[in-house]
Amino acid sequence: MASLLKIDVSPRGDASYSRQLGETFLASFQAAHPGSTVVTRDLAKNQPTFVDVQWIGGAFTPPDQLTEEHKAALKLSDDIIAEVKAADHILITTPMYNFQVPAVLKAWIDHLVRVGVTVNYTANGPEGQLHGKKVTVIVASAGEYPAGTPGAAYDMLTPYLKHIFGFIGLTDVTFLGAGGASGIQYGKISEEDWKKPYVEKATELAKA
């Protein structure tokens, strides 16, 4: 039975294009995988805490020496890691903010990446510990940053996520870049016409 972890980032609720495309993906995923389980973590409604001194202390302390403060600081990290480990497929729906990931998504990543848990350092360098999972990232952005064009240099979100997920062993990562949303605001394209190719792509990706 397939399991999907859905991470929603945008604070815009139902008005969010990334969330809308995520719901399209979800419906197609469930149709393609009858009986699948779905866990959703909404980072806009339940914002992750930032890494602090107790978190750092706990992350680099042997488990049998953790204080109650360490354990409390690591509780969210433990939950986030457990959710990712339990999933076959991770779906992230996010806007692009200033060419990068929103702060709440970065905070979630900082809880997920833990030495000795999701990545180990060996004589051959870092080795990610999360394997055999698919990751799909749906990114909605005002501008368009297609690969192979000068505009691609502005997209620092995609290479960052590829790198950090690969660092912890998540190497099967697919991006759906829904760019050019500003055209709707400026009347250059209708919302329906803008979304159509991205809806089709999200549907296809969920069946893969």
Foldseek 3Di string as FASTA:
>chain_A
DAEEEEEEEDLPPPVDPLVVLVVLLVVLLCVLPPPYYYHYDYCNVVFADADDPLCVVLLPDPPVPRDPSNCVSLVVLVVLQVVLQPHQEYEYGAEQDQLAGDPSVVRSLVSPDGEPRQWDQDPVGIDADRENHAYEYEYEYQADQDPPDPSVVSRPHVVVVCVSCVSNHHNRYHYHYLYNPVCCVVVNDPPCVSCVVSSVVSSVVSND
